[in-house]
Amino acid sequence: MNAFAAGFSNHPNSATATGEAVASVADHLARRDLVVVGIGGAHEAEAEEIERAVRSLLSPGVAITFTTGSVLGGGVEAEGLPAISIFAASFEHALATVFAIDTIETPEGAAMVGMVDEFASATAALLFADPFTTPAEAVARQIGLEYPQIATRIPVPRGCQSMEMSTIAVPWVLHSRASI
């Protein structure tokens, strides 16, 4: 069975905040195939140390860490404040893979560069995009056309609807374990 857990802390001390968020995830999820860590506020200066601690303590199959202006977790939004939020998932019949996709401008519109072979067998995808530099809607549309097994319609968050071309990261792709 797939299982999920989350942890959040807005403690001002980075080590304490990391420990609180990690403990919440570890208490609820024994195996972590995917861990996504959002770091905000004053903790951004210690993002590398936080990432190392999370990887060491949770031993995820795949870890994605990002800094952000607003961290969400536990029903709280910490905008511009020190906070750490961790989402973790354990998959019974899937495998998470991390890779990046670049977008380039062509006469026909946005084109993706860097698609990996594993994407062809994916059954789900989680896209992280910079809302100021990535044509998320065009990329989602192209993924849907080239890989219809992933989604017939990928919703694009409101903040990502009008952007310039740049880089998009596709941090994880979900595959059936049977197809690997």
N, C-alpha and C. Protein backbone atom coordinates (compact mmCIF):
# COMPACT_ATOMS: atom_id res chain seq x y z
N MET A 1 0.84 -1.17 0.00
CA MET A 1 0.00 0.00 0.00
C MET A 1 0.89 1.25 0.00
N ASN A 2 0.48 2.27 -0.75
CA ASN A 2 1.18 3.55 -0.72
C ASN A 2 0.89 4.23 0.61
N ALA A 3 1.89 4.92 1.15
CA ALA A 3 1.71 5.63 2.41
C ALA A 3 2.42 6.97 2.33
N PHE A 4 1.92 7.94 3.08
CA PHE A 4 2.45 9.30 3.03
C PHE A 4 2.54 9.87 4.44
N ALA A 5 3.48 10.80 4.65
CA ALA A 5 3.62 11.47 5.93
C ALA A 5 4.17 12.86 5.68
N ALA A 6 3.98 13.74 6.65
CA ALA A 6 4.49 15.10 6.53
C ALA A 6 4.98 15.59 7.88
N GLY A 7 5.92 16.49 7.84
CA GLY A 7 6.43 17.12 9.04
C GLY A 7 6.63 18.59 8.78
N PHE A 8 6.46 19.41 9.81
CA PHE A 8 6.60 20.86 9.67
C PHE A 8 7.14 21.42 10.98
N SER A 9 8.00 22.42 10.86
CA SER A 9 8.44 23.16 12.04
C SER A 9 8.74 24.59 11.64
N ASN A 10 8.33 25.50 12.49
CA ASN A 10 8.69 26.90 12.28
C ASN A 10 9.56 27.40 13.44
N HIS A 11 10.28 26.46 14.06
CA HIS A 11 11.23 26.83 15.12
C HIS A 11 12.33 27.68 14.50
N PRO A 12 12.79 28.73 15.17
CA PRO A 12 13.80 29.61 14.58
C PRO A 12 15.20 29.00 14.47
N ASN A 13 15.49 27.93 15.23
CA ASN A 13 16.78 27.27 15.16
C ASN A 13 16.72 26.19 14.08
N SER A 14 17.62 26.23 13.12
CA SER A 14 17.58 25.30 11.99
C SER A 14 17.71 23.84 12.41
N ALA A 15 18.61 23.54 13.33
CA ALA A 15 18.79 22.16 13.77
C ALA A 15 17.54 21.64 14.48
N THR A 16 16.96 22.47 15.33
CA THR A 16 15.75 22.08 16.05
C THR A 16 14.59 21.89 15.08
N ALA A 17 14.43 22.83 14.15
CA ALA A 17 13.36 22.74 13.17
C ALA A 17 13.50 21.48 12.32
N THR A 18 14.72 21.18 11.89
CA THR A 18 14.96 19.97 11.10
C THR A 18 14.60 18.73 11.91
N GLY A 19 15.04 18.69 13.15
CA GLY A 19 14.74 17.55 14.02
C GLY A 19 13.25 17.35 14.23
N GLU A 20 12.51 18.44 14.43
CA GLU A 20 11.07 18.33 14.64
C GLU A 20 10.36 17.81 13.39
N ALA A 21 10.70 18.36 12.23
CA ALA A 21 10.05 17.94 10.98
C ALA A 21 10.40 16.50 10.64
N VAL A 22 11.66 16.13 10.81
CA VAL A 22 12.10 14.76 10.53
C VAL A 22 11.42 13.78 11.47
N ALA A 23 11.33 14.12 12.74
CA ALA A 23 10.71 13.22 13.72
C ALA A 23 9.26 12.93 13.37
N SER A 24 8.55 13.94 12.93
CA SER A 24 7.15 13.74 12.56
C SER A 24 7.02 12.76 11.40
N VAL A 25 7.88 12.88 10.41
CA VAL A 25 7.85 11.95 9.27
C VAL A 25 8.27 10.56 9.71
N ALA A 26 9.36 10.47 10.45
CA ALA A 26 9.88 9.16 10.88
C ALA A 26 8.88 8.42 11.77
N ASP A 27 8.12 9.15 12.58
CA ASP A 27 7.13 8.53 13.46
C ASP A 27 5.98 7.89 12.69
N HIS A 28 5.73 8.36 11.46
CA HIS A 28 4.55 7.90 10.72
C HIS A 28 4.86 7.08 9.47
N LEU A 29 6.13 7.01 9.08
CA LEU A 29 6.46 6.32 7.84
C LEU A 29 7.82 5.63 7.99
N ALA A 30 7.82 4.32 7.98
CA ALA A 30 9.04 3.56 8.20
C ALA A 30 9.99 3.62 7.00
N ARG A 31 9.46 3.50 5.78
CA ARG A 31 10.28 3.53 4.57
C ARG A 31 9.90 4.77 3.77
N ARG A 32 10.90 5.50 3.29
CA ARG A 32 10.66 6.71 2.51
C ARG A 32 11.29 6.56 1.13
N ASP A 33 10.43 6.36 0.11
CA ASP A 33 10.93 6.29 -1.26
C ASP A 33 11.18 7.68 -1.84
N LEU A 34 10.39 8.64 -1.41
CA LEU A 34 10.49 10.01 -1.88
C LEU A 34 10.35 10.95 -0.70
N VAL A 35 11.25 11.93 -0.61
CA VAL A 35 11.16 12.97 0.40
C VAL A 35 11.34 14.31 -0.30
N VAL A 36 10.41 15.23 -0.04
CA VAL A 36 10.49 16.58 -0.60
C VAL A 36 10.58 17.54 0.58
N VAL A 37 11.63 18.37 0.59
CA VAL A 37 11.90 19.27 1.70
C VAL A 37 11.84 20.71 1.22
N GLY A 38 10.96 21.51 1.83
CA GLY A 38 10.87 22.94 1.55
C GLY A 38 11.48 23.71 2.71
N ILE A 39 12.37 24.64 2.40
CA ILE A 39 13.09 25.40 3.42
C ILE A 39 12.87 26.88 3.17
N GLY A 40 12.45 27.61 4.20
CA GLY A 40 12.19 29.03 4.01
C GLY A 40 12.78 29.90 5.10
N GLY A 41 12.76 31.20 4.82
CA GLY A 41 13.22 32.19 5.79
C GLY A 41 14.70 32.05 6.10
N ALA A 42 15.05 32.30 7.35
CA ALA A 42 16.44 32.28 7.78
C ALA A 42 17.09 30.91 7.62
N HIS A 43 16.29 29.86 7.54
CA HIS A 43 16.85 28.51 7.36
C HIS A 43 17.48 28.32 5.98
N GLU A 44 17.14 29.17 5.02
CA GLU A 44 17.69 29.04 3.66
C GLU A 44 19.21 29.08 3.68
N ALA A 45 19.80 29.85 4.58
CA ALA A 45 21.26 29.96 4.67
C ALA A 45 21.89 28.63 5.05
N GLU A 46 21.14 27.73 5.65
CA GLU A 46 21.66 26.44 6.08
C GLU A 46 21.03 25.28 5.29
N ALA A 47 20.56 25.56 4.08
CA ALA A 47 19.85 24.57 3.27
C ALA A 47 20.68 23.31 3.04
N GLU A 48 21.97 23.45 2.75
CA GLU A 48 22.80 22.27 2.48
C GLU A 48 22.94 21.40 3.72
N GLU A 49 23.12 22.01 4.88
CA GLU A 49 23.23 21.25 6.13
C GLU A 49 21.91 20.56 6.45
N ILE A 50 20.79 21.26 6.22
CA ILE A 50 19.46 20.68 6.46
C ILE A 50 19.25 19.49 5.54
N GLU A 51 19.59 19.65 4.27
CA GLU A 51 19.43 18.54 3.32
C GLU A 51 20.26 17.33 3.74
N ARG A 52 21.51 17.56 4.14
CA ARG A 52 22.36 16.44 4.59
C ARG A 52 21.75 15.73 5.79
N ALA A 53 21.22 16.51 6.74
CA ALA A 53 20.62 15.92 7.93
C ALA A 53 19.38 15.10 7.58
N VAL A 54 18.53 15.65 6.71
CA VAL A 54 17.31 14.93 6.30
C VAL A 54 17.68 13.63 5.59
N ARG A 55 18.64 13.69 4.68
CA ARG A 55 19.06 12.47 3.97
C ARG A 55 19.63 11.44 4.94
N SER A 56 20.42 11.90 5.88
CA SER A 56 21.03 10.99 6.85
C SER A 56 20.00 10.36 7.78
N LEU A 57 19.05 11.16 8.25
CA LEU A 57 18.08 10.67 9.23
C LEU A 57 16.93 9.88 8.62
N LEU A 58 16.51 10.24 7.42
CA LEU A 58 15.36 9.56 6.80
C LEU A 58 15.75 8.53 5.75
N SER A 59 16.97 8.57 5.26
CA SER A 59 17.47 7.63 4.24
C SER A 59 16.48 7.41 3.10
N PRO A 60 16.07 8.49 2.43
CA PRO A 60 15.10 8.33 1.34
C PRO A 60 15.73 7.73 0.09
N GLY A 61 14.89 7.09 -0.73
CA GLY A 61 15.34 6.63 -2.03
C GLY A 61 15.67 7.82 -2.92
N VAL A 62 14.82 8.83 -2.89
CA VAL A 62 14.99 10.06 -3.66
C VAL A 62 14.66 11.23 -2.75
N ALA A 63 15.52 12.25 -2.76
CA ALA A 63 15.26 13.45 -1.97
C ALA A 63 15.36 14.67 -2.85
N ILE A 64 14.41 15.57 -2.67
CA ILE A 64 14.39 16.84 -3.40
C ILE A 64 14.30 17.93 -2.35
N THR A 65 15.21 18.89 -2.41
CA THR A 65 15.21 19.99 -1.46
C THR A 65 15.17 21.29 -2.23
N PHE A 66 14.34 22.22 -1.76
CA PHE A 66 14.27 23.53 -2.40
C PHE A 66 14.07 24.60 -1.34
N THR A 67 14.49 25.82 -1.69
CA THR A 67 14.22 26.96 -0.83
C THR A 67 13.06 27.74 -1.44
N THR A 68 12.32 28.40 -0.58
CA THR A 68 11.11 29.09 -1.05
C THR A 68 10.79 30.27 -0.14
N GLY A 69 10.04 31.20 -0.65
CA GLY A 69 9.63 32.36 0.13
C GLY A 69 8.51 32.07 1.10
N SER A 70 7.79 30.98 0.85
CA SER A 70 6.65 30.62 1.70
C SER A 70 6.62 29.11 1.88
N VAL A 71 6.64 28.67 3.13
CA VAL A 71 6.62 27.24 3.45
C VAL A 71 5.25 26.90 4.03
N LEU A 72 4.68 25.80 3.54
CA LEU A 72 3.38 25.35 4.02
C LEU A 72 3.53 24.03 4.75
N GLY A 73 2.74 23.86 5.80
CA GLY A 73 2.74 22.58 6.51
C GLY A 73 1.93 22.67 7.78
N GLY A 74 1.27 21.58 8.12
CA GLY A 74 0.52 21.54 9.36
C GLY A 74 -0.56 22.59 9.47
N GLY A 75 -1.13 22.98 8.34
CA GLY A 75 -2.17 24.00 8.36
C GLY A 75 -1.63 25.40 8.57
N VAL A 76 -0.32 25.59 8.44
CA VAL A 76 0.33 26.88 8.67
C VAL A 76 1.07 27.32 7.41
N GLU A 77 1.03 28.60 7.12
CA GLU A 77 1.85 29.17 6.06
C GLU A 77 2.85 30.10 6.72
N ALA A 78 4.13 29.85 6.49
CA ALA A 78 5.19 30.68 7.04
C ALA A 78 5.82 31.46 5.89
N GLU A 79 5.30 32.63 5.64
CA GLU A 79 5.80 33.45 4.52
C GLU A 79 6.90 34.37 5.02
N GLY A 80 8.12 34.14 4.45
CA GLY A 80 9.26 34.95 4.84
C GLY A 80 9.80 34.64 6.22
N LEU A 81 9.27 33.62 6.86
CA LEU A 81 9.69 33.24 8.21
C LEU A 81 10.47 31.93 8.16
N PRO A 82 11.30 31.67 9.16
CA PRO A 82 12.03 30.40 9.18
C PRO A 82 11.07 29.23 9.36
N ALA A 83 11.13 28.29 8.42
CA ALA A 83 10.27 27.11 8.50
C ALA A 83 10.83 26.01 7.61
N ILE A 84 10.51 24.77 7.98
CA ILE A 84 10.89 23.59 7.20
C ILE A 84 9.66 22.71 7.10
N SER A 85 9.37 22.26 5.88
CA SER A 85 8.26 21.35 5.66
C SER A 85 8.79 20.15 4.89
N ILE A 86 8.39 18.95 5.33
CA ILE A 86 8.84 17.72 4.68
C ILE A 86 7.62 16.90 4.29
N PHE A 87 7.57 16.47 3.05
CA PHE A 87 6.57 15.52 2.56
C PHE A 87 7.33 14.24 2.22
N ALA A 88 6.80 13.11 2.64
CA ALA A 88 7.44 11.84 2.33
C ALA A 88 6.41 10.85 1.82
N ALA A 89 6.86 9.95 0.95
CA ALA A 89 5.98 8.94 0.38
C ALA A 89 6.70 7.60 0.32
N SER A 90 5.92 6.56 0.52
CA SER A 90 6.40 5.19 0.36
C SER A 90 5.47 4.53 -0.66
N PHE A 91 6.05 3.94 -1.70
CA PHE A 91 5.25 3.36 -2.77
C PHE A 91 5.37 1.84 -2.78
N GLU A 92 4.24 1.17 -2.84
CA GLU A 92 4.25 -0.29 -2.86
C GLU A 92 4.70 -0.83 -4.20
N HIS A 93 4.19 -0.27 -5.29
CA HIS A 93 4.48 -0.81 -6.62
C HIS A 93 5.05 0.26 -7.55
N ALA A 94 5.91 1.11 -7.03
CA ALA A 94 6.44 2.18 -7.86
C ALA A 94 7.87 2.52 -7.46
N LEU A 95 8.53 3.24 -8.34
CA LEU A 95 9.90 3.68 -8.12
C LEU A 95 9.99 5.14 -8.53
N ALA A 96 10.59 5.97 -7.72
CA ALA A 96 10.76 7.38 -8.04
C ALA A 96 12.12 7.60 -8.69
N THR A 97 12.17 8.45 -9.70
CA THR A 97 13.39 8.79 -10.43
C THR A 97 13.49 10.31 -10.52
N VAL A 98 14.68 10.84 -10.42
CA VAL A 98 14.90 12.29 -10.47
C VAL A 98 15.67 12.65 -11.74
N PHE A 99 15.24 13.70 -12.42
CA PHE A 99 16.00 14.24 -13.54
C PHE A 99 15.50 15.64 -13.85
N ALA A 100 16.21 16.35 -14.70
CA ALA A 100 15.85 17.72 -15.05
C ALA A 100 15.58 17.81 -16.54
N ILE A 101 14.70 18.73 -16.88
CA ILE A 101 14.37 19.00 -18.28
C ILE A 101 14.63 20.49 -18.52
N ASP A 102 15.28 20.79 -19.62
CA ASP A 102 15.44 22.18 -20.04
C ASP A 102 14.40 22.47 -21.10
N THR A 103 13.92 23.70 -21.14
CA THR A 103 13.04 24.12 -22.21
C THR A 103 13.78 25.13 -23.06
N ILE A 104 13.59 25.02 -24.34
CA ILE A 104 14.20 25.97 -25.26
C ILE A 104 13.10 26.54 -26.16
N GLU A 105 13.32 27.73 -26.64
CA GLU A 105 12.35 28.34 -27.54
C GLU A 105 12.68 27.95 -28.97
N THR A 106 11.68 27.46 -29.68
CA THR A 106 11.83 27.09 -31.09
C THR A 106 10.78 27.86 -31.88
N PRO A 107 10.86 27.84 -33.20
CA PRO A 107 9.83 28.51 -33.99
C PRO A 107 8.42 27.95 -33.74
N GLU A 108 8.36 26.68 -33.33
CA GLU A 108 7.07 26.05 -33.06
C GLU A 108 6.59 26.28 -31.63
N GLY A 109 7.41 26.89 -30.79
CA GLY A 109 7.07 27.11 -29.39
C GLY A 109 8.07 26.43 -28.47
N ALA A 110 7.65 26.14 -27.25
CA ALA A 110 8.54 25.53 -26.26
C ALA A 110 8.85 24.09 -26.65
N ALA A 111 10.12 23.72 -26.49
CA ALA A 111 10.54 22.34 -26.72
C ALA A 111 11.32 21.88 -25.50
N MET A 112 11.15 20.61 -25.15
CA MET A 112 11.84 20.06 -23.99
C MET A 112 13.10 19.33 -24.44
N VAL A 113 14.16 19.52 -23.69
CA VAL A 113 15.44 18.85 -23.93
C VAL A 113 15.81 18.13 -22.63
N GLY A 114 16.20 16.87 -22.74
CA GLY A 114 16.65 16.15 -21.56
C GLY A 114 15.69 15.10 -21.06
N MET A 115 14.66 14.77 -21.85
CA MET A 115 13.75 13.71 -21.45
C MET A 115 14.55 12.42 -21.33
N VAL A 116 14.29 11.65 -20.32
CA VAL A 116 15.02 10.41 -20.11
C VAL A 116 14.15 9.23 -20.53
N ASP A 117 14.79 8.13 -20.86
CA ASP A 117 14.08 6.94 -21.32
C ASP A 117 13.03 6.47 -20.32
N GLU A 118 13.34 6.59 -19.02
CA GLU A 118 12.41 6.13 -17.99
C GLU A 118 11.07 6.86 -18.05
N PHE A 119 11.04 8.05 -18.59
CA PHE A 119 9.81 8.83 -18.66
C PHE A 119 8.75 8.11 -19.50
N ALA A 120 9.20 7.34 -20.48
CA ALA A 120 8.27 6.63 -21.35
C ALA A 120 7.46 5.58 -20.59
N SER A 121 7.99 5.05 -19.50
CA SER A 121 7.26 4.04 -18.72
C SER A 121 6.59 4.63 -17.48
N ALA A 122 6.66 5.95 -17.33
CA ALA A 122 6.10 6.60 -16.14
C ALA A 122 4.58 6.54 -16.13
N THR A 123 4.04 6.46 -14.95
CA THR A 123 2.58 6.49 -14.78
C THR A 123 2.13 7.76 -14.09
N ALA A 124 3.07 8.54 -13.55
CA ALA A 124 2.76 9.81 -12.90
C ALA A 124 4.00 10.67 -12.92
N ALA A 125 3.83 11.98 -12.81
CA ALA A 125 4.98 12.88 -12.77
C ALA A 125 4.66 14.06 -11.86
N LEU A 126 5.65 14.50 -11.15
CA LEU A 126 5.54 15.69 -10.32
C LEU A 126 6.50 16.72 -10.90
N LEU A 127 5.99 17.85 -11.31
CA LEU A 127 6.81 18.87 -11.95
C LEU A 127 7.06 20.01 -10.98
N PHE A 128 8.30 20.42 -10.85
CA PHE A 128 8.65 21.63 -10.11
C PHE A 128 9.17 22.62 -11.13
N ALA A 129 8.63 23.82 -11.14
CA ALA A 129 9.04 24.81 -12.13
C ALA A 129 9.19 26.17 -11.48
N ASP A 130 10.15 26.93 -11.95
CA ASP A 130 10.28 28.32 -11.52
C ASP A 130 9.17 29.10 -12.21
N PRO A 131 8.26 29.70 -11.43
CA PRO A 131 7.10 30.36 -12.04
C PRO A 131 7.44 31.60 -12.86
N PHE A 132 8.68 32.09 -12.76
CA PHE A 132 9.04 33.29 -13.49
C PHE A 132 9.79 33.00 -14.78
N THR A 133 10.31 31.80 -14.94
CA THR A 133 11.16 31.51 -16.10
C THR A 133 10.77 30.27 -16.89
N THR A 134 9.71 29.58 -16.49
CA THR A 134 9.37 28.32 -17.14
C THR A 134 7.96 28.36 -17.73
N PRO A 135 7.81 27.97 -18.99
CA PRO A 135 6.48 27.91 -19.60
C PRO A 135 5.75 26.63 -19.17
N ALA A 136 5.34 26.60 -17.90
CA ALA A 136 4.80 25.37 -17.31
C ALA A 136 3.62 24.81 -18.08
N GLU A 137 2.73 25.66 -18.54
CA GLU A 137 1.55 25.18 -19.26
C GLU A 137 1.95 24.49 -20.56
N ALA A 138 2.89 25.09 -21.30
CA ALA A 138 3.35 24.50 -22.56
C ALA A 138 4.08 23.18 -22.30
N VAL A 139 4.89 23.13 -21.25
CA VAL A 139 5.61 21.91 -20.93
C VAL A 139 4.62 20.81 -20.54
N ALA A 140 3.64 21.13 -19.69
CA ALA A 140 2.63 20.14 -19.29
C ALA A 140 1.87 19.62 -20.50
N ARG A 141 1.54 20.53 -21.42
CA ARG A 141 0.82 20.13 -22.64
C ARG A 141 1.69 19.18 -23.48
N GLN A 142 2.98 19.49 -23.63
CA GLN A 142 3.87 18.65 -24.43
C GLN A 142 4.06 17.28 -23.76
N ILE A 143 4.19 17.24 -22.44
CA ILE A 143 4.32 15.95 -21.75
C ILE A 143 3.06 15.12 -21.99
N GLY A 144 1.90 15.75 -21.90
CA GLY A 144 0.65 15.05 -22.14
C GLY A 144 0.55 14.49 -23.55
N LEU A 145 1.07 15.22 -24.53
CA LEU A 145 1.03 14.76 -25.92
C LEU A 145 2.02 13.62 -26.16
N GLU A 146 3.23 13.76 -25.63
CA GLU A 146 4.27 12.76 -25.87
C GLU A 146 4.12 11.52 -24.99
N TYR A 147 3.53 11.70 -23.82
CA TYR A 147 3.41 10.60 -22.85
C TYR A 147 1.98 10.56 -22.31
N PRO A 148 1.02 10.15 -23.12
CA PRO A 148 -0.39 10.19 -22.70
C PRO A 148 -0.72 9.29 -21.52
N GLN A 149 0.13 8.31 -21.23
CA GLN A 149 -0.13 7.44 -20.09
C GLN A 149 0.02 8.18 -18.76
N ILE A 150 0.71 9.32 -18.77
CA ILE A 150 0.92 10.09 -17.54
C ILE A 150 -0.33 10.86 -17.18
N ALA A 151 -0.85 11.60 -18.13
CA ALA A 151 -2.04 12.39 -17.84
C ALA A 151 -2.63 12.92 -19.13
N THR A 152 -3.93 13.00 -19.16
CA THR A 152 -4.57 13.63 -20.30
C THR A 152 -4.71 15.13 -20.06
N ARG A 153 -4.68 15.53 -18.80
CA ARG A 153 -4.73 16.94 -18.45
C ARG A 153 -3.91 17.15 -17.19
N ILE A 154 -2.90 17.98 -17.27
CA ILE A 154 -2.08 18.30 -16.11
C ILE A 154 -2.44 19.71 -15.66
N PRO A 155 -3.01 19.86 -14.45
CA PRO A 155 -3.35 21.20 -13.99
C PRO A 155 -2.09 22.03 -13.75
N VAL A 156 -2.14 23.29 -14.12
CA VAL A 156 -1.00 24.19 -13.93
C VAL A 156 -1.39 25.22 -12.87
N PRO A 157 -0.62 25.32 -11.78
CA PRO A 157 -0.95 26.31 -10.75
C PRO A 157 -1.03 27.72 -11.33
N ARG A 158 -1.91 28.52 -10.78
CA ARG A 158 -2.17 29.86 -11.28
C ARG A 158 -0.90 30.69 -11.45
N GLY A 159 0.04 30.59 -10.53
CA GLY A 159 1.27 31.37 -10.60
C GLY A 159 2.21 30.96 -11.71
N CYS A 160 1.93 29.86 -12.40
CA CYS A 160 2.83 29.35 -13.43
C CYS A 160 2.27 29.53 -14.84
N GLN A 161 1.24 30.36 -15.03
CA GLN A 161 0.58 30.37 -16.32
C GLN A 161 1.17 31.31 -17.37
N SER A 162 1.96 32.27 -17.00
CA SER A 162 2.55 33.13 -18.03
C SER A 162 4.01 33.39 -17.70
N MET A 163 4.89 32.73 -18.45
CA MET A 163 6.30 32.79 -18.14
C MET A 163 7.18 32.80 -19.39
N GLU A 164 8.43 33.12 -19.18
CA GLU A 164 9.43 33.05 -20.24
C GLU A 164 10.03 31.64 -20.26
N MET A 165 10.80 31.32 -21.31
CA MET A 165 11.43 30.01 -21.42
C MET A 165 12.66 29.94 -20.51
N SER A 166 12.91 28.79 -19.93
CA SER A 166 14.13 28.58 -19.16
C SER A 166 14.26 27.11 -18.82
N THR A 167 14.36 26.79 -17.54
CA THR A 167 14.59 25.41 -17.11
C THR A 167 13.43 24.92 -16.27
N ILE A 168 13.08 23.68 -16.47
CA ILE A 168 12.08 23.05 -15.62
C ILE A 168 12.70 21.78 -15.06
N ALA A 169 12.50 21.54 -13.81
CA ALA A 169 12.98 20.31 -13.20
C ALA A 169 11.81 19.36 -13.06
N VAL A 170 12.00 18.14 -13.43
CA VAL A 170 11.01 17.09 -13.20
C VAL A 170 11.65 16.19 -12.16
N PRO A 171 11.47 16.52 -10.88
CA PRO A 171 12.22 15.83 -9.85
C PRO A 171 11.90 14.37 -9.67
N TRP A 172 10.73 13.95 -9.95
CA TRP A 172 10.49 12.51 -9.82
C TRP A 172 9.44 12.06 -10.79
N VAL A 173 9.62 10.86 -11.21
CA VAL A 173 8.69 10.22 -12.12
C VAL A 173 8.37 8.86 -11.51
N LEU A 174 7.12 8.51 -11.50
CA LEU A 174 6.69 7.27 -10.88
C LEU A 174 6.58 6.16 -11.92
N HIS A 175 7.23 5.04 -11.65
CA HIS A 175 7.21 3.89 -12.55
C HIS A 175 6.64 2.69 -11.81
N SER A 176 5.99 1.83 -12.53
CA SER A 176 5.59 0.55 -11.97
C SER A 176 6.85 -0.27 -11.74
N ARG A 177 7.01 -0.87 -10.57
CA ARG A 177 8.18 -1.71 -10.31
C ARG A 177 8.26 -2.86 -11.30
N ALA A 178 7.14 -3.33 -11.77
CA ALA A 178 7.12 -4.47 -12.70
C ALA A 178 7.74 -4.09 -14.05
N SER A 179 7.73 -2.82 -14.40
CA SER A 179 8.24 -2.41 -15.71
C SER A 179 9.73 -2.08 -15.70
N ILE A 180 10.36 -2.12 -14.55
CA ILE A 180 11.77 -1.73 -14.45
C ILE A 180 12.63 -2.97 -14.61
